[in-house]
Amino acid sequence: MSSSCSHLLSALKECLLQSDCVLKQGHLPSECLREHTNELPESCKALRQATFECKRGMLDMRKRFRGNNVDLPPPPPKAQEQTAPASA
C-alpha cells in the first residue's frame, strides 16, 4: 500500500482495537469492520470511510500526476526530550 494511506490505516487499527466491539464483546477487528459496523463509534466509521476514499483515490487515473489528496489528521506529536543545559 502506498504511504499516503498508511497513516489512516494505522489510525483505523488503533480505533478498532480500542472499540467496545473488540474490548467488551471479544470480536476480532476484522469481524467488527465487516459484520458489526453499526456498533463502532463514529470516529472509527469516519476513519473507515476516509481509508476507503484514500484507497479509491490511489486507483483514480485523474490523480496519477497530482498525487492522492488525502486529508490526514496531524500525526501525533513525538515526545520531546528535555535536556538540562550543562553548566560550565
PDB file of N, CA and C in Angstrom:
ATOM      1  N   MET A   1       0.836  -1.175   0.000  1.00  0.00           N
ATOM      2  CA  MET A   1       0.000   0.000   0.000  1.00  0.00           C
ATOM      3  C   MET A   1       0.883   1.240   0.000  1.00  0.00           C
ATOM      4  N   SER A   2       0.379   2.253  -0.621  1.00  0.00           N
ATOM      5  CA  SER A   2       1.114   3.499  -0.691  1.00  0.00           C
ATOM      6  C   SER A   2       1.230   4.122   0.699  1.00  0.00           C
ATOM      7  N   SER A   3       2.262   4.908   0.854  1.00  0.00           N
ATOM      8  CA  SER A   3       2.465   5.539   2.156  1.00  0.00           C
ATOM      9  C   SER A   3       1.444   6.642   2.418  1.00  0.00           C
ATOM     10  N   SER A   4       0.716   7.078   1.379  1.00  0.00           N
ATOM     11  CA  SER A   4      -0.265   8.140   1.591  1.00  0.00           C
ATOM     12  C   SER A   4      -1.446   7.670   2.435  1.00  0.00           C
ATOM     13  N   CYS A   5      -1.721   6.380   2.455  1.00  0.00           N
ATOM     14  CA  CYS A   5      -2.852   5.855   3.221  1.00  0.00           C
ATOM     15  C   CYS A   5      -2.420   5.175   4.512  1.00  0.00           C
ATOM     16  N   SER A   6      -1.139   5.031   4.732  1.00  0.00           N
ATOM     17  CA  SER A   6      -0.679   4.270   5.891  1.00  0.00           C
ATOM     18  C   SER A   6      -1.052   4.944   7.218  1.00  0.00           C
ATOM     19  N   HIS A   7      -1.060   6.257   7.236  1.00  0.00           N
ATOM     20  CA  HIS A   7      -1.419   6.980   8.463  1.00  0.00           C
ATOM     21  C   HIS A   7      -2.889   6.745   8.815  1.00  0.00           C
ATOM     22  N   LEU A   8      -3.742   6.754   7.808  1.00  0.00           N
ATOM     23  CA  LEU A   8      -5.156   6.483   8.046  1.00  0.00           C
ATOM     24  C   LEU A   8      -5.385   5.044   8.482  1.00  0.00           C
ATOM     25  N   LEU A   9      -4.679   4.130   7.866  1.00  0.00           N
ATOM     26  CA  LEU A   9      -4.851   2.728   8.199  1.00  0.00           C
ATOM     27  C   LEU A   9      -4.410   2.433   9.629  1.00  0.00           C
ATOM     28  N   SER A  10      -3.308   3.022  10.044  1.00  0.00           N
ATOM     29  CA  SER A  10      -2.857   2.799  11.424  1.00  0.00           C
ATOM     30  C   SER A  10      -3.824   3.438  12.424  1.00  0.00           C
ATOM     31  N   ALA A  11      -4.393   4.597  12.084  1.00  0.00           N
ATOM     32  CA  ALA A  11      -5.376   5.231  12.971  1.00  0.00           C
ATOM     33  C   ALA A  11      -6.647   4.382  13.062  1.00  0.00           C
ATOM     34  N   LEU A  12      -7.047   3.768  11.947  1.00  0.00           N
ATOM     35  CA  LEU A  12      -8.220   2.892  11.960  1.00  0.00           C
ATOM     36  C   LEU A  12      -7.956   1.659  12.807  1.00  0.00           C
ATOM     37  N   LYS A  13      -6.774   1.088  12.718  1.00  0.00           N
ATOM     38  CA  LYS A  13      -6.429  -0.077  13.533  1.00  0.00           C
ATOM     39  C   LYS A  13      -6.487   0.252  15.015  1.00  0.00           C
ATOM     40  N   GLU A  14      -5.914   1.387  15.391  1.00  0.00           N
ATOM     41  CA  GLU A  14      -5.939   1.801  16.800  1.00  0.00           C
ATOM     42  C   GLU A  14      -7.372   2.025  17.290  1.00  0.00           C
ATOM     43  N   CYS A  15      -8.179   2.647  16.456  1.00  0.00           N
ATOM     44  CA  CYS A  15      -9.564   2.914  16.838  1.00  0.00           C
ATOM     45  C   CYS A  15     -10.331   1.609  17.022  1.00  0.00           C
ATOM     46  N   LEU A  16     -10.114   0.657  16.126  1.00  0.00           N
ATOM     47  CA  LEU A  16     -10.800  -0.630  16.247  1.00  0.00           C
ATOM     48  C   LEU A  16     -10.371  -1.381  17.497  1.00  0.00           C
ATOM     49  N   LEU A  17      -9.089  -1.362  17.794  1.00  0.00           N
ATOM     50  CA  LEU A  17      -8.594  -2.081  18.961  1.00  0.00           C
ATOM     51  C   LEU A  17      -9.104  -1.489  20.272  1.00  0.00           C
ATOM     52  N   GLN A  18      -9.476  -0.204  20.255  1.00  0.00           N
ATOM     53  CA  GLN A  18      -9.972   0.447  21.461  1.00  0.00           C
ATOM     54  C   GLN A  18     -11.503   0.509  21.511  1.00  0.00           C
ATOM     55  N   SER A  19     -12.175  -0.070  20.517  1.00  0.00           N
ATOM     56  CA  SER A  19     -13.635  -0.005  20.475  1.00  0.00           C
ATOM     57  C   SER A  19     -14.251  -1.064  21.394  1.00  0.00           C
ATOM     58  N   ASP A  20     -15.504  -0.854  21.764  1.00  0.00           N
ATOM     59  CA  ASP A  20     -16.221  -1.809  22.606  1.00  0.00           C
ATOM     60  C   ASP A  20     -16.439  -3.133  21.898  1.00  0.00           C
ATOM     61  N   CYS A  21     -16.533  -3.094  20.592  1.00  0.00           N
ATOM     62  CA  CYS A  21     -16.748  -4.318  19.814  1.00  0.00           C
ATOM     63  C   CYS A  21     -15.606  -5.309  20.040  1.00  0.00           C
ATOM     64  N   VAL A  22     -14.397  -4.815  20.137  1.00  0.00           N
ATOM     65  CA  VAL A  22     -13.238  -5.686  20.352  1.00  0.00           C
ATOM     66  C   VAL A  22     -13.014  -5.926  21.841  1.00  0.00           C
ATOM     67  N   LEU A  23     -13.024  -4.859  22.634  1.00  0.00           N
ATOM     68  CA  LEU A  23     -12.681  -4.980  24.050  1.00  0.00           C
ATOM     69  C   LEU A  23     -13.745  -5.699  24.872  1.00  0.00           C
ATOM     70  N   LYS A  24     -14.990  -5.323  24.734  1.00  0.00           N
ATOM     71  CA  LYS A  24     -16.040  -5.863  25.595  1.00  0.00           C
ATOM     72  C   LYS A  24     -16.726  -7.094  25.011  1.00  0.00           C
ATOM     73  N   GLN A  25     -16.918  -7.096  23.686  1.00  0.00           N
ATOM     74  CA  GLN A  25     -17.644  -8.199  23.074  1.00  0.00           C
ATOM     75  C   GLN A  25     -16.719  -9.308  22.583  1.00  0.00           C
ATOM     76  N   GLY A  26     -15.430  -9.045  22.489  1.00  0.00           N
ATOM     77  CA  GLY A  26     -14.455 -10.069  22.141  1.00  0.00           C
ATOM     78  C   GLY A  26     -14.390 -10.442  20.673  1.00  0.00           C
ATOM     79  N   HIS A  27     -14.896  -9.586  19.797  1.00  0.00           N
ATOM     80  CA  HIS A  27     -14.818  -9.871  18.364  1.00  0.00           C
ATOM     81  C   HIS A  27     -13.442  -9.503  17.835  1.00  0.00           C
ATOM     82  N   LEU A  28     -13.078 -10.098  16.709  1.00  0.00           N
ATOM     83  CA  LEU A  28     -11.857  -9.697  16.019  1.00  0.00           C
ATOM     84  C   LEU A  28     -12.092  -8.351  15.340  1.00  0.00           C
ATOM     85  N   PRO A  29     -11.042  -7.543  15.169  1.00  0.00           N
ATOM     86  CA  PRO A  29     -11.232  -6.263  14.487  1.00  0.00           C
ATOM     87  C   PRO A  29     -11.806  -6.426  13.072  1.00  0.00           C
ATOM     88  N   SER A  30     -11.385  -7.475  12.372  1.00  0.00           N
ATOM     89  CA  SER A  30     -11.922  -7.695  11.027  1.00  0.00           C
ATOM     90  C   SER A  30     -13.415  -8.018  11.065  1.00  0.00           C
ATOM     91  N   GLU A  31     -13.857  -8.740  12.093  1.00  0.00           N
ATOM     92  CA  GLU A  31     -15.283  -9.029  12.243  1.00  0.00           C
ATOM     93  C   GLU A  31     -16.064  -7.751  12.533  1.00  0.00           C
ATOM     94  N   CYS A  32     -15.472  -6.883  13.331  1.00  0.00           N
ATOM     95  CA  CYS A  32     -16.149  -5.620  13.652  1.00  0.00           C
ATOM     96  C   CYS A  32     -16.322  -4.769  12.402  1.00  0.00           C
ATOM     97  N   LEU A  33     -15.321  -4.773  11.526  1.00  0.00           N
ATOM     98  CA  LEU A  33     -15.413  -3.991  10.298  1.00  0.00           C
ATOM     99  C   LEU A  33     -16.452  -4.559   9.340  1.00  0.00           C
ATOM    100  N   ARG A  34     -16.538  -5.873   9.254  1.00  0.00           N
ATOM    101  CA  ARG A  34     -17.430  -6.497   8.283  1.00  0.00           C
ATOM    102  C   ARG A  34     -18.857  -6.654   8.794  1.00  0.00           C
ATOM    103  N   GLU A  35     -19.022  -7.121  10.024  1.00  0.00           N
ATOM    104  CA  GLU A  35     -20.338  -7.540  10.488  1.00  0.00           C
ATOM    105  C   GLU A  35     -20.962  -6.641  11.549  1.00  0.00           C
ATOM    106  N   HIS A  36     -20.163  -5.873  12.263  1.00  0.00           N
ATOM    107  CA  HIS A  36     -20.684  -5.081  13.383  1.00  0.00           C
ATOM    108  C   HIS A  36     -20.387  -3.588  13.197  1.00  0.00           C
ATOM    109  N   THR A  37     -20.539  -3.083  11.988  1.00  0.00           N
ATOM    110  CA  THR A  37     -20.215  -1.677  11.732  1.00  0.00           C
ATOM    111  C   THR A  37     -21.136  -0.731  12.479  1.00  0.00           C
ATOM    112  N   ASN A  38     -22.358  -1.162  12.765  1.00  0.00           N
ATOM    113  CA  ASN A  38     -23.297  -0.289  13.485  1.00  0.00           C
ATOM    114  C   ASN A  38     -22.881  -0.078  14.931  1.00  0.00           C
ATOM    115  N   GLU A  39     -22.083  -0.989  15.476  1.00  0.00           N
ATOM    116  CA  GLU A  39     -21.665  -0.894  16.876  1.00  0.00           C
ATOM    117  C   GLU A  39     -20.383  -0.083  17.055  1.00  0.00           C
ATOM    118  N   LEU A  40     -19.749   0.303  15.951  1.00  0.00           N
ATOM    119  CA  LEU A  40     -18.496   1.055  16.042  1.00  0.00           C
ATOM    120  C   LEU A  40     -18.775   2.515  16.388  1.00  0.00           C
ATOM    121  N   PRO A  41     -17.835   3.165  17.084  1.00  0.00           N
ATOM    122  CA  PRO A  41     -18.004   4.595  17.356  1.00  0.00           C
ATOM    123  C   PRO A  41     -17.899   5.409  16.061  1.00  0.00           C
ATOM    124  N   GLU A  42     -18.423   6.618  16.098  1.00  0.00           N
ATOM    125  CA  GLU A  42     -18.430   7.470  14.906  1.00  0.00           C
ATOM    126  C   GLU A  42     -17.019   7.767  14.400  1.00  0.00           C
ATOM    127  N   SER A  43     -16.054   7.869  15.304  1.00  0.00           N
ATOM    128  CA  SER A  43     -14.680   8.155  14.867  1.00  0.00           C
ATOM    129  C   SER A  43     -14.133   7.002  14.027  1.00  0.00           C
ATOM    130  N   CYS A  44     -14.450   5.765  14.400  1.00  0.00           N
ATOM    131  CA  CYS A  44     -13.996   4.608  13.611  1.00  0.00           C
ATOM    132  C   CYS A  44     -14.703   4.557  12.267  1.00  0.00           C
ATOM    133  N   LYS A  45     -15.984   4.908  12.256  1.00  0.00           N
ATOM    134  CA  LYS A  45     -16.711   4.921  10.995  1.00  0.00           C
ATOM    135  C   LYS A  45     -16.131   5.967  10.049  1.00  0.00           C
ATOM    136  N   ALA A  46     -15.770   7.120  10.590  1.00  0.00           N
ATOM    137  CA  ALA A  46     -15.192   8.171   9.761  1.00  0.00           C
ATOM    138  C   ALA A  46     -13.821   7.760   9.230  1.00  0.00           C
ATOM    139  N   LEU A  47     -13.018   7.110  10.071  1.00  0.00           N
ATOM    140  CA  LEU A  47     -11.712   6.630   9.621  1.00  0.00           C
ATOM    141  C   LEU A  47     -11.861   5.529   8.575  1.00  0.00           C
ATOM    142  N   ARG A  48     -12.858   4.692   8.726  1.00  0.00           N
ATOM    143  CA  ARG A  48     -13.111   3.638   7.739  1.00  0.00           C
ATOM    144  C   ARG A  48     -13.454   4.257   6.389  1.00  0.00           C
ATOM    145  N   GLN A  49     -14.302   5.264   6.397  1.00  0.00           N
ATOM    146  CA  GLN A  49     -14.684   5.943   5.158  1.00  0.00           C
ATOM    147  C   GLN A  49     -13.493   6.664   4.537  1.00  0.00           C
ATOM    148  N   ALA A  50     -12.691   7.318   5.359  1.00  0.00           N
ATOM    149  CA  ALA A  50     -11.515   8.034   4.847  1.00  0.00           C
ATOM    150  C   ALA A  50     -10.494   7.063   4.253  1.00  0.00           C
ATOM    151  N   THR A  51     -10.329   5.899   4.865  1.00  0.00           N
ATOM    152  CA  THR A  51      -9.419   4.888   4.332  1.00  0.00           C
ATOM    153  C   THR A  51      -9.925   4.376   2.993  1.00  0.00           C
ATOM    154  N   PHE A  52     -11.224   4.168   2.892  1.00  0.00           N
ATOM    155  CA  PHE A  52     -11.815   3.734   1.629  1.00  0.00           C
ATOM    156  C   PHE A  52     -11.580   4.775   0.543  1.00  0.00           C
ATOM    157  N   GLU A  53     -11.830   6.042   0.862  1.00  0.00           N
ATOM    158  CA  GLU A  53     -11.635   7.113  -0.118  1.00  0.00           C
ATOM    159  C   GLU A  53     -10.173   7.221  -0.537  1.00  0.00           C
ATOM    160  N   CYS A  54      -9.266   7.012   0.391  1.00  0.00           N
ATOM    161  CA  CYS A  54      -7.842   7.076   0.086  1.00  0.00           C
ATOM    162  C   CYS A  54      -7.446   5.954  -0.865  1.00  0.00           C
ATOM    163  N   LYS A  55      -7.899   4.738  -0.576  1.00  0.00           N
ATOM    164  CA  LYS A  55      -7.580   3.614  -1.452  1.00  0.00           C
ATOM    165  C   LYS A  55      -8.197   3.796  -2.833  1.00  0.00           C
ATOM    166  N   ARG A  56      -9.404   4.322  -2.884  1.00  0.00           N
ATOM    167  CA  ARG A  56     -10.041   4.572  -4.171  1.00  0.00           C
ATOM    168  C   ARG A  56      -9.297   5.651  -4.944  1.00  0.00           C
ATOM    169  N   GLY A  57      -8.790   6.656  -4.229  1.00  0.00           N
ATOM    170  CA  GLY A  57      -8.034   7.719  -4.882  1.00  0.00           C
ATOM    171  C   GLY A  57      -6.727   7.236  -5.480  1.00  0.00           C
ATOM    172  N   MET A  58      -6.165   6.159  -4.909  1.00  0.00           N
ATOM    173  CA  MET A  58      -4.927   5.613  -5.459  1.00  0.00           C
ATOM    174  C   MET A  58      -5.163   4.975  -6.827  1.00  0.00           C
ATOM    175  N   LEU A  59      -6.383   4.524  -7.092  1.00  0.00           N
ATOM    176  CA  LEU A  59      -6.698   3.899  -8.371  1.00  0.00           C
ATOM    177  C   LEU A  59      -7.218   4.887  -9.406  1.00  0.00           C
ATOM    178  N   ASP A  60      -7.494   6.095  -9.004  1.00  0.00           N
ATOM    179  CA  ASP A  60      -8.056   7.098  -9.888  1.00  0.00           C
ATOM    180  C   ASP A  60      -6.965   7.633 -10.808  1.00  0.00           C
ATOM    181  N   MET A  61      -7.120   7.399 -12.092  1.00  0.00           N
ATOM    182  CA  MET A  61      -6.096   7.808 -13.054  1.00  0.00           C
ATOM    183  C   MET A  61      -6.025   9.330 -13.211  1.00  0.00           C
ATOM    184  N   ARG A  62      -7.087  10.045 -12.860  1.00  0.00           N
ATOM    185  CA  ARG A  62      -7.051  11.502 -12.950  1.00  0.00           C
ATOM    186  C   ARG A  62      -6.091  12.095 -11.930  1.00  0.00           C
ATOM    187  N   LYS A  63      -5.850  11.356 -10.859  1.00  0.00           N
ATOM    188  CA  LYS A  63      -4.966  11.849  -9.801  1.00  0.00           C
ATOM    189  C   LYS A  63      -3.560  11.283  -9.919  1.00  0.00           C
ATOM    190  N   ARG A  64      -3.269  10.633 -11.021  1.00  0.00           N
ATOM    191  CA  ARG A  64      -1.989   9.955 -11.170  1.00  0.00           C
ATOM    192  C   ARG A  64      -0.822  10.930 -11.097  1.00  0.00           C
ATOM    193  N   PHE A  65      -0.943  12.090 -11.708  1.00  0.00           N
ATOM    194  CA  PHE A  65       0.157  13.048 -11.728  1.00  0.00           C
ATOM    195  C   PHE A  65       0.149  13.961 -10.510  1.00  0.00           C
ATOM    196  N   ARG A  66      -1.030  14.291 -10.027  1.00  0.00           N
ATOM    197  CA  ARG A  66      -1.121  15.205  -8.889  1.00  0.00           C
ATOM    198  C   ARG A  66      -0.908  14.515  -7.557  1.00  0.00           C
ATOM    199  N   GLY A  67      -1.102  13.228  -7.514  1.00  0.00           N
ATOM    200  CA  GLY A  67      -0.961  12.502  -6.258  1.00  0.00           C
ATOM    201  C   GLY A  67      -2.293  12.377  -5.557  1.00  0.00           C
ATOM    202  N   ASN A  68      -2.347  11.476  -4.628  1.00  0.00           N
ATOM    203  CA  ASN A  68      -3.562  11.213  -3.877  1.00  0.00           C
ATOM    204  C   ASN A  68      -3.742  12.292  -2.824  1.00  0.00           C
ATOM    205  N   ASN A  69      -4.786  13.069  -2.937  1.00  0.00           N
ATOM    206  CA  ASN A  69      -5.045  14.151  -1.994  1.00  0.00           C
ATOM    207  C   ASN A  69      -5.794  13.580  -0.799  1.00  0.00           C
ATOM    208  N   VAL A  70      -5.088  13.411   0.300  1.00  0.00           N
ATOM    209  CA  VAL A  70      -5.672  12.809   1.490  1.00  0.00           C
ATOM    210  C   VAL A  70      -5.669  13.842   2.600  1.00  0.00           C
ATOM    211  N   ASP A  71      -6.836  14.036   3.210  1.00  0.00           N
ATOM    212  CA  ASP A  71      -6.920  14.939   4.356  1.00  0.00           C
ATOM    213  C   ASP A  71      -6.575  14.133   5.599  1.00  0.00           C
ATOM    214  N   LEU A  72      -5.314  14.155   5.939  1.00  0.00           N
ATOM    215  CA  LEU A  72      -4.851  13.385   7.090  1.00  0.00           C
ATOM    216  C   LEU A  72      -4.917  14.220   8.349  1.00  0.00           C
ATOM    217  N   PRO A  73      -5.290  13.605   9.436  1.00  0.00           N
ATOM    218  CA  PRO A  73      -5.146  14.319  10.705  1.00  0.00           C
ATOM    219  C   PRO A  73      -3.663  14.451  11.005  1.00  0.00           C
ATOM    220  N   PRO A  74      -3.275  15.471  11.722  1.00  0.00           N
ATOM    221  CA  PRO A  74      -1.853  15.630  12.004  1.00  0.00           C
ATOM    222  C   PRO A  74      -1.313  14.443  12.789  1.00  0.00           C
ATOM    223  N   PRO A  75      -0.089  14.012  12.476  1.00  0.00           N
ATOM    224  CA  PRO A  75       0.469  12.880  13.218  1.00  0.00           C
ATOM    225  C   PRO A  75       0.633  13.224  14.684  1.00  0.00           C
ATOM    226  N   PRO A  76       0.553  12.238  15.561  1.00  0.00           N
ATOM    227  CA  PRO A  76       0.687  12.526  16.991  1.00  0.00           C
ATOM    228  C   PRO A  76       2.065  13.093  17.284  1.00  0.00           C
ATOM    229  N   PRO A  77       2.125  14.068  18.185  1.00  0.00           N
ATOM    230  CA  PRO A  77       3.425  14.677  18.493  1.00  0.00           C
ATOM    231  C   PRO A  77       4.333  13.677  19.190  1.00  0.00           C
ATOM    232  N   LYS A  78       5.578  13.713  18.810  1.00  0.00           N
ATOM    233  CA  LYS A  78       6.548  12.825  19.447  1.00  0.00           C
ATOM    234  C   LYS A  78       6.986  13.445  20.766  1.00  0.00           C
ATOM    235  N   ALA A  79       7.344  12.598  21.691  1.00  0.00           N
ATOM    236  CA  ALA A  79       7.787  13.075  22.987  1.00  0.00           C
ATOM    237  C   ALA A  79       9.105  13.827  22.813  1.00  0.00           C
ATOM    238  N   GLN A  80       9.104  15.055  23.248  1.00  0.00           N
ATOM    239  CA  GLN A  80      10.319  15.857  23.134  1.00  0.00           C
ATOM    240  C   GLN A  80      11.155  15.649  24.376  1.00  0.00           C
ATOM    241  N   GLU A  81      12.387  15.306  24.124  1.00  0.00           N
ATOM    242  CA  GLU A  81      13.288  15.096  25.252  1.00  0.00           C
ATOM    243  C   GLU A  81      13.778  16.450  25.749  1.00  0.00           C
ATOM    244  N   GLN A  82      13.624  16.652  27.019  1.00  0.00           N
ATOM    245  CA  GLN A  82      14.081  17.905  27.608  1.00  0.00           C
ATOM    246  C   GLN A  82      15.420  17.646  28.274  1.00  0.00           C
ATOM    247  N   THR A  83      16.396  18.349  27.814  1.00  0.00           N
ATOM    248  CA  THR A  83      17.720  18.202  28.391  1.00  0.00           C
ATOM    249  C   THR A  83      18.061  19.459  29.145  1.00  0.00           C
ATOM    250  N   ALA A  84      18.625  19.261  30.304  1.00  0.00           N
ATOM    251  CA  ALA A  84      19.034  20.408  31.111  1.00  0.00           C
ATOM    252  C   ALA A  84      20.341  20.959  30.546  1.00  0.00           C
ATOM    253  N   PRO A  85      20.466  22.286  30.453  1.00  0.00           N
ATOM    254  CA  PRO A  85      21.708  22.851  29.934  1.00  0.00           C
ATOM    255  C   PRO A  85      22.872  22.552  30.914  1.00  0.00           C
ATOM    256  N   ALA A  86      23.963  22.174  30.328  1.00  0.00           N
ATOM    257  CA  ALA A  86      25.132  21.848  31.134  1.00  0.00           C
ATOM    258  C   ALA A  86      25.772  23.140  31.652  1.00  0.00           C
ATOM    259  N   SER A  87      26.046  23.198  32.934  1.00  0.00           N
ATOM    260  CA  SER A  87      26.675  24.404  33.485  1.00  0.00           C
ATOM    261  C   SER A  87      28.178  24.287  33.328  1.00  0.00           C
ATOM    262  N   ALA A  88      28.809  25.405  33.024  1.00  0.00           N
ATOM    263  CA  ALA A  88      30.245  25.407  32.745  1.00  0.00           C
ATOM    264  C   ALA A  88      31.078  25.533  33.974  1.00  0.00           C
TER     265      ALA A  88
END
